[in-house]
Amino acid sequence: MSNAVIYNITPITFRLDLKDPFLFTAHHIDHFPAANADMGPKTAAEKDEFNMYYGDVVPGFPEHPHTGFETITLVEQGYVDHFDSLGNGGRYAAGDVQWLSTGNGVEHCEMFPLLHEDKANPFELFQIWFNSSAEQKAHDADYKMFWREEIPHVFETDSEGKKSDIRVISGQFKSTDAISRPPHSWAAAAENKVNIYLITMQAGAELVIPSTTSSSNRFAYFYQGNTLEIEGQTIQMKHLVELQSDADVHLKAGGLEARILWLEGEPINEPVAMRGPFVLNTTEELDAAFKRYRETHFGDWPWPSPAPVFKRDQARFASYEGGKRVEHPEQENSQAS
């Protein structure tokens, strides 16, 4: 079926290969069992049965470096404990988003504590690797939490009364603006039109996504449901669709609730040199960054192990400025209400 709005359709198992300003997105899913006393899996399953189990006890990714880009982590199920070489830490969970600008270098770890001892601990997140301009790569690392209580939702109802929920993670949907991005992000400037949405559509619901600029790159990842129609063409679950950016796009969910990750933005249009967890502009810059990391580790690691976690009963929170400033979203939301 010919469709001028759809450029490519790609089946996805784990990694979504994207275009400037996006590098790629990883869709992590693990079906962790009930927890033991140490917040690891209670069963004796082999670690290689899981996708995200690099710690010795608790699943996750122990201490590792990054430089030159941003990670945008959208949690759909489970918990994440964050620690970094700036002395910051925190716990975030389903519905929260962490936006980390790695700038000129940072070490961090992302651990996934299993908090429930009496039931399974399913885990799911998206991690978007989002590029930075050469100027932004030179800034100090920084991060910001987007708490689920604060992320704006747009609720649309179609002519049949069926509803769609658009979580606006970045940019704007119609007249609704997202939370401001970190200041040294390509996504911070409105003219770069970096729109990131998590869309949930009732079965049979219809929704129109407005056009953006003709120079933007645009993708839809259909990750949950049975089928999704895009401009009348049927898309199967776990397929990535590259789309025309300067056209309104009509979506219709199939017989089950549909969930879509929507990504679009103006390209940075600078050379990309990528080696493992470092993303710079030239091979020479990569060589220099690896040399600097070997010599400095991007600062001292201030935590007692490469894979620390908080206590099981720790509520969601985030610390900034080396721990000098702390946010407690549940407390703040309770006080506000």
C-alpha atoms as a PDB file:
ATOM      1  CA  MET A   1       0.000   0.000   0.000  1.00  0.00           C
ATOM      2  CA  SER A   2       1.466   3.338  -1.052  1.00  0.00           C
ATOM      3  CA  ASN A   3       1.393   6.034   1.606  1.00  0.00           C
ATOM      4  CA  ALA A   4       3.145   9.362   1.081  1.00  0.00           C
ATOM      5  CA  VAL A   5       3.206  10.165   4.815  1.00  0.00           C
ATOM      6  CA  ILE A   6       4.993   6.922   5.816  1.00  0.00           C
ATOM      7  CA  TYR A   7       8.644   6.698   4.784  1.00  0.00           C
ATOM      8  CA  ASN A   8       9.765   3.488   6.526  1.00  0.00           C
ATOM      9  CA  ILE A   9       8.392   0.766   8.818  1.00  0.00           C
ATOM     10  CA  THR A  10      10.908  -1.237  10.868  1.00  0.00           C
ATOM     11  CA  PRO A  11      10.259  -4.168  13.249  1.00  0.00           C
ATOM     12  CA  ILE A  12      11.807  -3.605  16.681  1.00  0.00           C
ATOM     13  CA  THR A  13      13.063  -6.045  19.298  1.00  0.00           C
ATOM     14  CA  PHE A  14      15.087  -3.690  21.499  1.00  0.00           C
ATOM     15  CA  ARG A  15      16.835  -0.767  19.793  1.00  0.00           C
ATOM     16  CA  LEU A  16      15.210   1.980  17.737  1.00  0.00           C
ATOM     17  CA  ASP A  17      17.704   3.479  15.294  1.00  0.00           C
ATOM     18  CA  LEU A  18      16.730   7.100  14.737  1.00  0.00           C
ATOM     19  CA  LYS A  19      17.918  10.284  13.033  1.00  0.00           C
ATOM     20  CA  ASP A  20      19.400  13.609  14.150  1.00  0.00           C
ATOM     21  CA  PRO A  21      18.897  15.020  16.807  1.00  0.00           C
ATOM     22  CA  PHE A  22      18.078  11.546  18.196  1.00  0.00           C
ATOM     23  CA  LEU A  23      20.802   8.893  18.240  1.00  0.00           C
ATOM     24  CA  PHE A  24      18.761   5.840  19.202  1.00  0.00           C
ATOM     25  CA  THR A  25      16.257   4.645  21.784  1.00  0.00           C
ATOM     26  CA  ALA A  26      16.450   1.451  23.831  1.00  0.00           C
ATOM     27  CA  HIS A  27      13.178  -0.166  24.908  1.00  0.00           C
ATOM     28  CA  HIS A  28      14.075  -2.194  28.012  1.00  0.00           C
ATOM     29  CA  ILE A  29      11.636  -4.803  29.362  1.00  0.00           C
ATOM     30  CA  ASP A  30      12.350  -7.359  32.071  1.00  0.00           C
ATOM     31  CA  HIS A  31       9.928  -9.643  33.894  1.00  0.00           C
ATOM     32  CA  PHE A  32      11.691  -9.790  37.244  1.00  0.00           C
ATOM     33  CA  PRO A  33      10.214 -12.183  39.825  1.00  0.00           C
ATOM     34  CA  ALA A  34       9.513 -11.462  43.499  1.00  0.00           C
ATOM     35  CA  ALA A  35      12.465  -9.984  45.379  1.00  0.00           C
ATOM     36  CA  ASN A  36      14.767 -11.437  47.975  1.00  0.00           C
ATOM     37  CA  ALA A  37      15.846  -9.556  51.096  1.00  0.00           C
ATOM     38  CA  ASP A  38      18.616  -7.787  49.147  1.00  0.00           C
ATOM     39  CA  MET A  39      16.253  -6.446  46.421  1.00  0.00           C
ATOM     40  CA  GLY A  40      17.526  -8.917  43.841  1.00  0.00           C
ATOM     41  CA  PRO A  41      15.462 -11.701  42.200  1.00  0.00           C
ATOM     42  CA  LYS A  42      14.241 -14.320  44.694  1.00  0.00           C
ATOM     43  CA  THR A  43      14.567 -17.154  42.191  1.00  0.00           C
ATOM     44  CA  ALA A  44      17.906 -18.631  41.170  1.00  0.00           C
ATOM     45  CA  ALA A  45      17.488 -17.687  37.502  1.00  0.00           C
ATOM     46  CA  GLU A  46      20.648 -17.007  35.527  1.00  0.00           C
ATOM     47  CA  LYS A  47      21.442 -13.320  35.062  1.00  0.00           C
ATOM     48  CA  ASP A  48      21.584 -13.694  31.291  1.00  0.00           C
ATOM     49  CA  GLU A  49      17.862 -14.503  31.308  1.00  0.00           C
ATOM     50  CA  PHE A  50      17.298 -10.778  31.879  1.00  0.00           C
ATOM     51  CA  ASN A  51      18.142  -7.837  29.618  1.00  0.00           C
ATOM     52  CA  MET A  52      19.280  -5.373  32.282  1.00  0.00           C
ATOM     53  CA  TYR A  53      21.162  -7.315  34.922  1.00  0.00           C
ATOM     54  CA  TYR A  54      24.783  -6.174  35.160  1.00  0.00           C
ATOM     55  CA  GLY A  55      24.933  -5.780  38.932  1.00  0.00           C
ATOM     56  CA  ASP A  56      26.064  -8.565  41.264  1.00  0.00           C
ATOM     57  CA  VAL A  57      22.886  -8.539  43.379  1.00  0.00           C
ATOM     58  CA  VAL A  58      20.438  -5.843  42.255  1.00  0.00           C
ATOM     59  CA  PRO A  59      19.654  -5.606  38.522  1.00  0.00           C
ATOM     60  CA  GLY A  60      20.849  -2.533  36.681  1.00  0.00           C
ATOM     61  CA  PHE A  61      23.879  -0.801  35.228  1.00  0.00           C
ATOM     62  CA  PRO A  62      26.652  -0.103  37.772  1.00  0.00           C
ATOM     63  CA  GLU A  63      29.034   2.868  37.557  1.00  0.00           C
ATOM     64  CA  HIS A  64      29.856   3.838  33.954  1.00  0.00           C
ATOM     65  CA  PRO A  65      30.826   7.038  32.063  1.00  0.00           C
ATOM     66  CA  HIS A  66      29.139   9.213  29.444  1.00  0.00           C
ATOM     67  CA  THR A  67      30.002  12.399  27.622  1.00  0.00           C
ATOM     68  CA  GLY A  68      28.676  14.530  24.780  1.00  0.00           C
ATOM     69  CA  PHE A  69      24.947  13.733  24.668  1.00  0.00           C
ATOM     70  CA  GLU A  70      21.822  13.347  26.807  1.00  0.00           C
ATOM     71  CA  THR A  71      19.929  10.368  28.175  1.00  0.00           C
ATOM     72  CA  ILE A  72      16.182  10.787  28.558  1.00  0.00           C
ATOM     73  CA  THR A  73      14.842   7.927  30.664  1.00  0.00           C
ATOM     74  CA  LEU A  74      11.077   7.324  30.668  1.00  0.00           C
ATOM     75  CA  VAL A  75      10.003   4.703  33.220  1.00  0.00           C
ATOM     76  CA  GLU A  76       6.816   2.761  32.518  1.00  0.00           C
ATOM     77  CA  GLN A  77       7.111   0.073  35.228  1.00  0.00           C
ATOM     78  CA  GLY A  78       9.401  -0.411  38.217  1.00  0.00           C
ATOM     79  CA  TYR A  79      11.957   1.707  40.097  1.00  0.00           C
ATOM     80  CA  VAL A  80      15.335   3.280  39.293  1.00  0.00           C
ATOM     81  CA  ASP A  81      18.003   4.334  41.800  1.00  0.00           C
ATOM     82  CA  HIS A  82      20.335   7.000  40.378  1.00  0.00           C
ATOM     83  CA  PHE A  83      23.825   7.912  41.630  1.00  0.00           C
ATOM     84  CA  ASP A  84      26.410  10.071  39.871  1.00  0.00           C
ATOM     85  CA  SER A  85      29.939  11.410  40.210  1.00  0.00           C
ATOM     86  CA  LEU A  86      28.564  14.881  40.976  1.00  0.00           C
ATOM     87  CA  GLY A  87      27.350  13.555  44.328  1.00  0.00           C
ATOM     88  CA  ASN A  88      23.688  13.492  43.289  1.00  0.00           C
ATOM     89  CA  GLY A  89      21.294  10.616  43.831  1.00  0.00           C
ATOM     90  CA  GLY A  90      17.629   9.763  43.756  1.00  0.00           C
ATOM     91  CA  ARG A  91      14.895   7.224  43.238  1.00  0.00           C
ATOM     92  CA  TYR A  92      12.308   7.520  40.518  1.00  0.00           C
ATOM     93  CA  ALA A  93       9.579   5.216  39.302  1.00  0.00           C
ATOM     94  CA  ALA A  94       6.779   4.479  36.847  1.00  0.00           C
ATOM     95  CA  GLY A  95       5.555   7.665  35.183  1.00  0.00           C
ATOM     96  CA  ASP A  96       8.693   9.687  36.013  1.00  0.00           C
ATOM     97  CA  VAL A  97      11.301  10.914  33.524  1.00  0.00           C
ATOM     98  CA  GLN A  98      14.966  11.674  34.147  1.00  0.00           C
ATOM     99  CA  TRP A  99      16.722  14.048  31.725  1.00  0.00           C
ATOM    100  CA  LEU A 100      20.511  13.808  32.062  1.00  0.00           C
ATOM    101  CA  SER A 101      22.868  16.115  30.138  1.00  0.00           C
ATOM    102  CA  THR A 102      26.237  14.355  30.205  1.00  0.00           C
ATOM    103  CA  GLY A 103      28.076  17.425  28.860  1.00  0.00           C
ATOM    104  CA  ASN A 104      31.852  17.245  29.233  1.00  0.00           C
ATOM    105  CA  GLY A 105      31.705  14.050  31.248  1.00  0.00           C
ATOM    106  CA  VAL A 106      29.987  12.270  34.127  1.00  0.00           C
ATOM    107  CA  GLU A 107      29.861   8.834  35.694  1.00  0.00           C
ATOM    108  CA  HIS A 108      26.561   7.448  36.915  1.00  0.00           C
ATOM    109  CA  CYS A 109      24.815   4.220  37.739  1.00  0.00           C
ATOM    110  CA  GLU A 110      21.230   3.143  37.171  1.00  0.00           C
ATOM    111  CA  MET A 111      20.120   0.342  39.470  1.00  0.00           C
ATOM    112  CA  PHE A 112      16.696  -1.300  39.415  1.00  0.00           C
ATOM    113  CA  PRO A 113      15.835  -2.413  42.976  1.00  0.00           C
ATOM    114  CA  LEU A 114      13.114  -5.030  43.240  1.00  0.00           C
ATOM    115  CA  LEU A 115      10.939  -3.714  46.050  1.00  0.00           C
ATOM    116  CA  HIS A 116       8.154  -6.310  46.199  1.00  0.00           C
ATOM    117  CA  GLU A 117       8.887  -9.553  48.051  1.00  0.00           C
ATOM    118  CA  ASP A 118       5.341 -10.905  47.704  1.00  0.00           C
ATOM    119  CA  LYS A 119       4.780 -10.443  43.959  1.00  0.00           C
ATOM    120  CA  ALA A 120       6.575 -10.047  40.638  1.00  0.00           C
ATOM    121  CA  ASN A 121       8.546  -6.885  39.832  1.00  0.00           C
ATOM    122  CA  PRO A 122       7.968  -6.119  36.135  1.00  0.00           C
ATOM    123  CA  PHE A 123      10.275  -3.462  34.751  1.00  0.00           C
ATOM    124  CA  GLU A 124      10.036  -1.326  31.599  1.00  0.00           C
ATOM    125  CA  LEU A 125      11.668   1.868  30.444  1.00  0.00           C
ATOM    126  CA  PHE A 126      12.661   3.802  27.363  1.00  0.00           C
ATOM    127  CA  GLN A 127      16.066   5.413  27.271  1.00  0.00           C
ATOM    128  CA  ILE A 128      16.477   7.950  24.496  1.00  0.00           C
ATOM    129  CA  TRP A 129      20.038   8.855  23.529  1.00  0.00           C
ATOM    130  CA  PHE A 130      19.691  12.447  22.378  1.00  0.00           C
ATOM    131  CA  ASN A 131      22.578  14.329  20.799  1.00  0.00           C
ATOM    132  CA  SER A 132      24.063  17.658  21.896  1.00  0.00           C
ATOM    133  CA  SER A 133      25.581  20.405  19.796  1.00  0.00           C
ATOM    134  CA  ALA A 134      29.330  20.986  19.946  1.00  0.00           C
ATOM    135  CA  GLU A 135      28.766  23.986  22.196  1.00  0.00           C
ATOM    136  CA  GLN A 136      26.507  21.987  24.537  1.00  0.00           C
ATOM    137  CA  LYS A 137      28.993  19.096  24.763  1.00  0.00           C
ATOM    138  CA  ALA A 138      31.458  21.471  26.474  1.00  0.00           C
ATOM    139  CA  HIS A 139      29.169  22.339  29.407  1.00  0.00           C
ATOM    140  CA  ASP A 140      29.247  20.654  32.791  1.00  0.00           C
ATOM    141  CA  ALA A 141      26.949  17.674  33.305  1.00  0.00           C
ATOM    142  CA  ASP A 142      23.511  18.329  34.754  1.00  0.00           C
ATOM    143  CA  TYR A 143      20.212  16.529  35.254  1.00  0.00           C
ATOM    144  CA  LYS A 144      16.585  17.226  35.989  1.00  0.00           C
ATOM    145  CA  MET A 145      13.678  15.102  37.171  1.00  0.00           C
ATOM    146  CA  PHE A 146      10.274  15.337  35.523  1.00  0.00           C
ATOM    147  CA  TRP A 147       7.965  13.887  38.176  1.00  0.00           C
ATOM    148  CA  ARG A 148       4.797  12.139  37.045  1.00  0.00           C
ATOM    149  CA  GLU A 149       2.698  14.559  39.121  1.00  0.00           C
ATOM    150  CA  GLU A 150       4.069  17.466  37.068  1.00  0.00           C
ATOM    151  CA  ILE A 151       4.237  16.096  33.518  1.00  0.00           C
ATOM    152  CA  PRO A 152       1.383  17.688  31.537  1.00  0.00           C
ATOM    153  CA  HIS A 153      -1.270  15.497  29.920  1.00  0.00           C
ATOM    154  CA  VAL A 154      -3.502  16.476  27.034  1.00  0.00           C
ATOM    155  CA  PHE A 155      -6.770  14.533  26.830  1.00  0.00           C
ATOM    156  CA  GLU A 156      -8.404  14.361  23.405  1.00  0.00           C
ATOM    157  CA  THR A 157     -11.856  12.913  22.648  1.00  0.00           C
ATOM    158  CA  ASP A 158     -12.789  11.883  19.104  1.00  0.00           C
ATOM    159  CA  SER A 159     -16.205  12.146  17.422  1.00  0.00           C
ATOM    160  CA  GLU A 160     -17.222   8.728  18.825  1.00  0.00           C
ATOM    161  CA  GLY A 161     -16.345   9.704  22.385  1.00  0.00           C
ATOM    162  CA  LYS A 162     -13.167   7.594  22.519  1.00  0.00           C
ATOM    163  CA  LYS A 163     -10.258   9.107  24.407  1.00  0.00           C
ATOM    164  CA  SER A 164      -6.530   9.583  23.942  1.00  0.00           C
ATOM    165  CA  ASP A 165      -4.005  10.714  26.566  1.00  0.00           C
ATOM    166  CA  ILE A 166      -0.887  12.539  25.348  1.00  0.00           C
ATOM    167  CA  ARG A 167       1.881  12.926  27.964  1.00  0.00           C
ATOM    168  CA  VAL A 168       3.972  15.888  26.832  1.00  0.00           C
ATOM    169  CA  ILE A 169       7.551  15.041  27.823  1.00  0.00           C
ATOM    170  CA  SER A 170       9.266  17.661  25.646  1.00  0.00           C
ATOM    171  CA  GLY A 171       8.167  20.543  23.467  1.00  0.00           C
ATOM    172  CA  GLN A 172       4.519  21.290  22.933  1.00  0.00           C
ATOM    173  CA  PHE A 173       1.296  19.551  21.961  1.00  0.00           C
ATOM    174  CA  LYS A 174      -1.086  22.122  20.526  1.00  0.00           C
ATOM    175  CA  SER A 175      -1.195  24.812  23.255  1.00  0.00           C
ATOM    176  CA  THR A 176       0.241  22.685  26.079  1.00  0.00           C
ATOM    177  CA  ASP A 177       3.922  23.141  26.915  1.00  0.00           C
ATOM    178  CA  ALA A 178       6.158  20.519  28.516  1.00  0.00           C
ATOM    179  CA  ILE A 179       8.266  21.066  31.614  1.00  0.00           C
ATOM    180  CA  SER A 180      11.335  23.143  30.718  1.00  0.00           C
ATOM    181  CA  ARG A 181      14.325  21.058  29.653  1.00  0.00           C
ATOM    182  CA  PRO A 182      17.834  21.467  31.116  1.00  0.00           C
ATOM    183  CA  PRO A 183      19.273  24.771  29.854  1.00  0.00           C
ATOM    184  CA  HIS A 184      22.138  23.283  27.824  1.00  0.00           C
ATOM    185  CA  SER A 185      19.939  20.894  25.851  1.00  0.00           C
ATOM    186  CA  TRP A 186      19.154  21.095  22.150  1.00  0.00           C
ATOM    187  CA  ALA A 187      15.566  20.495  23.250  1.00  0.00           C
ATOM    188  CA  ALA A 188      15.499  23.602  25.473  1.00  0.00           C
ATOM    189  CA  ALA A 189      15.017  26.052  22.582  1.00  0.00           C
ATOM    190  CA  ALA A 190      11.447  26.201  21.262  1.00  0.00           C
ATOM    191  CA  GLU A 191      12.651  26.738  17.696  1.00  0.00           C
ATOM    192  CA  ASN A 192      14.217  23.253  17.670  1.00  0.00           C
ATOM    193  CA  LYS A 193      10.726  21.723  17.900  1.00  0.00           C
ATOM    194  CA  VAL A 194      11.852  18.709  19.947  1.00  0.00           C
ATOM    195  CA  ASN A 195       8.527  17.086  20.747  1.00  0.00           C
ATOM    196  CA  ILE A 196       8.444  13.854  22.741  1.00  0.00           C
ATOM    197  CA  TYR A 197       5.066  12.339  23.593  1.00  0.00           C
ATOM    198  CA  LEU A 198       3.878   9.152  25.247  1.00  0.00           C
ATOM    199  CA  ILE A 199       0.448   8.487  23.760  1.00  0.00           C
ATOM    200  CA  THR A 200      -2.215   6.129  25.114  1.00  0.00           C
ATOM    201  CA  MET A 201      -5.311   5.585  22.949  1.00  0.00           C
ATOM    202  CA  GLN A 202      -8.459   3.720  23.914  1.00  0.00           C
ATOM    203  CA  ALA A 203      -9.381   0.829  21.636  1.00  0.00           C
ATOM    204  CA  GLY A 204     -10.801   2.292  18.421  1.00  0.00           C
ATOM    205  CA  ALA A 205      -9.845   5.874  19.333  1.00  0.00           C
ATOM    206  CA  GLU A 206      -8.766   8.323  16.634  1.00  0.00           C
ATOM    207  CA  LEU A 207      -6.214  11.112  17.070  1.00  0.00           C
ATOM    208  CA  VAL A 208      -4.507  13.673  14.834  1.00  0.00           C
ATOM    209  CA  ILE A 209      -0.917  14.717  15.554  1.00  0.00           C
ATOM    210  CA  PRO A 210      -0.280  18.228  14.168  1.00  0.00           C
ATOM    211  CA  SER A 211       2.415  18.858  11.575  1.00  0.00           C
ATOM    212  CA  THR A 212       5.799  20.248  12.480  1.00  0.00           C
ATOM    213  CA  THR A 213       8.561  21.765  10.310  1.00  0.00           C
ATOM    214  CA  SER A 214       9.543  20.181   6.990  1.00  0.00           C
ATOM    215  CA  SER A 215      13.173  19.879   8.123  1.00  0.00           C
ATOM    216  CA  SER A 216      12.384  17.916  11.314  1.00  0.00           C
ATOM    217  CA  ASN A 217      12.874  14.171  11.694  1.00  0.00           C
ATOM    218  CA  ARG A 218       9.799  12.331  12.964  1.00  0.00           C
ATOM    219  CA  PHE A 219       9.165   8.820  14.313  1.00  0.00           C
ATOM    220  CA  ALA A 220       6.328   6.866  15.947  1.00  0.00           C
ATOM    221  CA  TYR A 221       7.057   3.647  17.851  1.00  0.00           C
ATOM    222  CA  PHE A 222       3.939   1.520  18.382  1.00  0.00           C
ATOM    223  CA  TYR A 223       4.886  -0.589  21.386  1.00  0.00           C
ATOM    224  CA  GLN A 224       1.684  -1.885  22.951  1.00  0.00           C
ATOM    225  CA  GLY A 225      -1.657  -2.991  21.513  1.00  0.00           C
ATOM    226  CA  ASN A 226      -2.564  -5.185  18.573  1.00  0.00           C
ATOM    227  CA  THR A 227      -2.744  -2.883  15.558  1.00  0.00           C
ATOM    228  CA  LEU A 228      -2.534   0.833  14.833  1.00  0.00           C
ATOM    229  CA  GLU A 229      -3.661   2.595  11.678  1.00  0.00           C
ATOM    230  CA  ILE A 230      -1.481   5.485  10.518  1.00  0.00           C
ATOM    231  CA  GLU A 231      -3.074   7.392   7.640  1.00  0.00           C
ATOM    232  CA  GLY A 232      -5.135   4.282   6.910  1.00  0.00           C
ATOM    233  CA  GLN A 233      -2.165   1.889   6.812  1.00  0.00           C
ATOM    234  CA  THR A 234      -2.148  -0.908   9.399  1.00  0.00           C
ATOM    235  CA  ILE A 235       0.941  -1.072  11.617  1.00  0.00           C
ATOM    236  CA  GLN A 236       1.731  -4.083  13.779  1.00  0.00           C
ATOM    237  CA  MET A 237       2.864  -3.807  17.399  1.00  0.00           C
ATOM    238  CA  LYS A 238       6.578  -3.207  18.045  1.00  0.00           C
ATOM    239  CA  HIS A 239       7.209  -1.429  14.769  1.00  0.00           C
ATOM    240  CA  LEU A 240       8.945   1.912  14.291  1.00  0.00           C
ATOM    241  CA  VAL A 241       7.488   4.226  11.656  1.00  0.00           C
ATOM    242  CA  GLU A 242       9.389   7.121  10.083  1.00  0.00           C
ATOM    243  CA  LEU A 243       6.945   9.819   9.022  1.00  0.00           C
ATOM    244  CA  GLN A 244       6.613  12.957   6.956  1.00  0.00           C
ATOM    245  CA  SER A 245       7.035  15.830   9.388  1.00  0.00           C
ATOM    246  CA  ASP A 246       5.146  18.672   7.707  1.00  0.00           C
ATOM    247  CA  ALA A 247       1.815  16.840   7.516  1.00  0.00           C
ATOM    248  CA  ASP A 248      -0.918  16.211  10.064  1.00  0.00           C
ATOM    249  CA  VAL A 249      -0.896  12.488  10.893  1.00  0.00           C
ATOM    250  CA  HIS A 250      -4.128  10.591  11.603  1.00  0.00           C
ATOM    251  CA  LEU A 251      -3.912   7.657  14.043  1.00  0.00           C
ATOM    252  CA  LYS A 252      -6.555   5.045  14.858  1.00  0.00           C
ATOM    253  CA  ALA A 253      -6.116   2.373  17.529  1.00  0.00           C
ATOM    254  CA  GLY A 254      -7.136  -1.202  16.809  1.00  0.00           C
ATOM    255  CA  GLY A 255      -9.165  -3.526  19.041  1.00  0.00           C
ATOM    256  CA  LEU A 256      -6.938  -2.995  22.093  1.00  0.00           C
ATOM    257  CA  GLU A 257      -5.556   0.062  23.874  1.00  0.00           C
ATOM    258  CA  ALA A 258      -2.615   1.399  21.867  1.00  0.00           C
ATOM    259  CA  ARG A 259       0.547   2.994  23.238  1.00  0.00           C
ATOM    260  CA  ILE A 260       2.955   5.009  21.110  1.00  0.00           C
ATOM    261  CA  LEU A 261       6.270   6.783  21.727  1.00  0.00           C
ATOM    262  CA  TRP A 262       6.352   9.847  19.456  1.00  0.00           C
ATOM    263  CA  LEU A 263       9.666  11.580  18.664  1.00  0.00           C
ATOM    264  CA  GLU A 264      10.330  14.587  16.419  1.00  0.00           C
ATOM    265  CA  GLY A 265      12.803  17.435  16.242  1.00  0.00           C
ATOM    266  CA  GLU A 266      15.001  19.707  14.170  1.00  0.00           C
ATOM    267  CA  PRO A 267      18.414  18.188  13.354  1.00  0.00           C
ATOM    268  CA  ILE A 268      21.602  19.595  14.888  1.00  0.00           C
ATOM    269  CA  ASN A 269      23.406  19.095  11.550  1.00  0.00           C
ATOM    270  CA  GLU A 270      26.857  18.499  13.000  1.00  0.00           C
ATOM    271  CA  PRO A 271      29.208  15.530  12.504  1.00  0.00           C
ATOM    272  CA  VAL A 272      28.661  12.592  14.877  1.00  0.00           C
ATOM    273  CA  ALA A 273      31.565  10.497  16.167  1.00  0.00           C
ATOM    274  CA  MET A 274      30.325   7.808  18.550  1.00  0.00           C
ATOM    275  CA  ARG A 275      32.336   5.205  20.435  1.00  0.00           C
ATOM    276  CA  GLY A 276      30.545   3.266  23.145  1.00  0.00           C
ATOM    277  CA  PRO A 277      29.135   5.722  25.723  1.00  0.00           C
ATOM    278  CA  PHE A 278      30.879   8.796  24.252  1.00  0.00           C
ATOM    279  CA  VAL A 279      29.371  10.955  21.476  1.00  0.00           C
ATOM    280  CA  LEU A 280      31.474  13.802  20.068  1.00  0.00           C
ATOM    281  CA  ASN A 281      32.092  15.390  16.679  1.00  0.00           C
ATOM    282  CA  THR A 282      35.415  13.879  15.568  1.00  0.00           C
ATOM    283  CA  THR A 283      37.579  10.817  16.159  1.00  0.00           C
ATOM    284  CA  GLU A 284      40.269  13.059  17.600  1.00  0.00           C
ATOM    285  CA  GLU A 285      37.819  14.395  20.170  1.00  0.00           C
ATOM    286  CA  LEU A 286      36.862  10.844  21.114  1.00  0.00           C
ATOM    287  CA  ASP A 287      40.508   9.890  21.593  1.00  0.00           C
ATOM    288  CA  ALA A 288      41.036  12.930  23.829  1.00  0.00           C
ATOM    289  CA  ALA A 289      37.886  12.190  25.848  1.00  0.00           C
ATOM    290  CA  PHE A 290      38.907   8.588  26.505  1.00  0.00           C
ATOM    291  CA  LYS A 291      42.371   9.757  27.560  1.00  0.00           C
ATOM    292  CA  ARG A 292      40.815  12.296  29.921  1.00  0.00           C
ATOM    293  CA  TYR A 293      38.508   9.656  31.356  1.00  0.00           C
ATOM    294  CA  ARG A 294      41.384   7.243  31.999  1.00  0.00           C
ATOM    295  CA  GLU A 295      43.218  10.021  33.840  1.00  0.00           C
ATOM    296  CA  THR A 296      40.335  11.581  35.787  1.00  0.00           C
ATOM    297  CA  HIS A 297      37.303   9.241  35.705  1.00  0.00           C
ATOM    298  CA  PHE A 298      35.360  12.506  35.258  1.00  0.00           C
ATOM    299  CA  GLY A 299      35.773  13.112  39.003  1.00  0.00           C
ATOM    300  CA  ASP A 300      35.831  10.974  42.113  1.00  0.00           C
ATOM    301  CA  TRP A 301      33.074   8.405  42.645  1.00  0.00           C
ATOM    302  CA  PRO A 302      31.637   9.453  46.030  1.00  0.00           C
ATOM    303  CA  TRP A 303      29.536   6.334  46.704  1.00  0.00           C
ATOM    304  CA  PRO A 304      30.466   3.190  48.696  1.00  0.00           C
ATOM    305  CA  SER A 305      30.248   0.800  45.733  1.00  0.00           C
ATOM    306  CA  PRO A 306      29.897   0.860  41.931  1.00  0.00           C
ATOM    307  CA  ALA A 307      26.284  -0.332  42.311  1.00  0.00           C
ATOM    308  CA  PRO A 308      24.712   1.284  45.389  1.00  0.00           C
ATOM    309  CA  VAL A 309      20.973   1.251  46.086  1.00  0.00           C
ATOM    310  CA  PHE A 310      18.723   2.960  48.605  1.00  0.00           C
ATOM    311  CA  LYS A 311      16.759   1.173  51.316  1.00  0.00           C
ATOM    312  CA  ARG A 312      13.612  -0.651  50.289  1.00  0.00           C
ATOM    313  CA  ASP A 313      11.295   1.873  51.962  1.00  0.00           C
ATOM    314  CA  GLN A 314      12.946   4.955  50.404  1.00  0.00           C
ATOM    315  CA  ALA A 315      10.318   7.160  48.737  1.00  0.00           C
ATOM    316  CA  ARG A 316      10.939   8.850  45.389  1.00  0.00           C
ATOM    317  CA  PHE A 317      13.288  11.823  45.612  1.00  0.00           C
ATOM    318  CA  ALA A 318      16.156  13.564  43.817  1.00  0.00           C
ATOM    319  CA  SER A 319      19.172  15.455  45.097  1.00  0.00           C
ATOM    320  CA  TYR A 320      21.046  18.150  43.205  1.00  0.00           C
ATOM    321  CA  GLU A 321      24.165  20.284  43.686  1.00  0.00           C
ATOM    322  CA  GLY A 322      26.028  17.423  45.318  1.00  0.00           C
ATOM    323  CA  GLY A 323      23.156  16.763  47.714  1.00  0.00           C
ATOM    324  CA  LYS A 324      22.651  20.350  48.847  1.00  0.00           C
ATOM    325  CA  ARG A 325      19.161  20.542  47.331  1.00  0.00           C
ATOM    326  CA  VAL A 326      16.592  17.753  47.602  1.00  0.00           C
ATOM    327  CA  GLU A 327      13.164  17.232  46.008  1.00  0.00           C
ATOM    328  CA  HIS A 328      10.449  14.987  47.467  1.00  0.00           C
ATOM    329  CA  PRO A 329       7.630  14.975  44.893  1.00  0.00           C
ATOM    330  CA  GLU A 330       5.132  13.005  46.979  1.00  0.00           C
ATOM    331  CA  GLN A 331       5.528  15.353  49.957  1.00  0.00           C
ATOM    332  CA  GLU A 332       5.329  18.452  47.747  1.00  0.00           C
ATOM    333  CA  ASN A 333       2.241  17.120  45.974  1.00  0.00           C
ATOM    334  CA  SER A 334       0.586  16.364  49.342  1.00  0.00           C
ATOM    335  CA  GLN A 335       1.312  19.886  50.620  1.00  0.00           C
ATOM    336  CA  ALA A 336      -0.007  21.438  47.403  1.00  0.00           C
ATOM    337  CA  SER A 337      -3.291  19.563  47.668  1.00  0.00           C
END
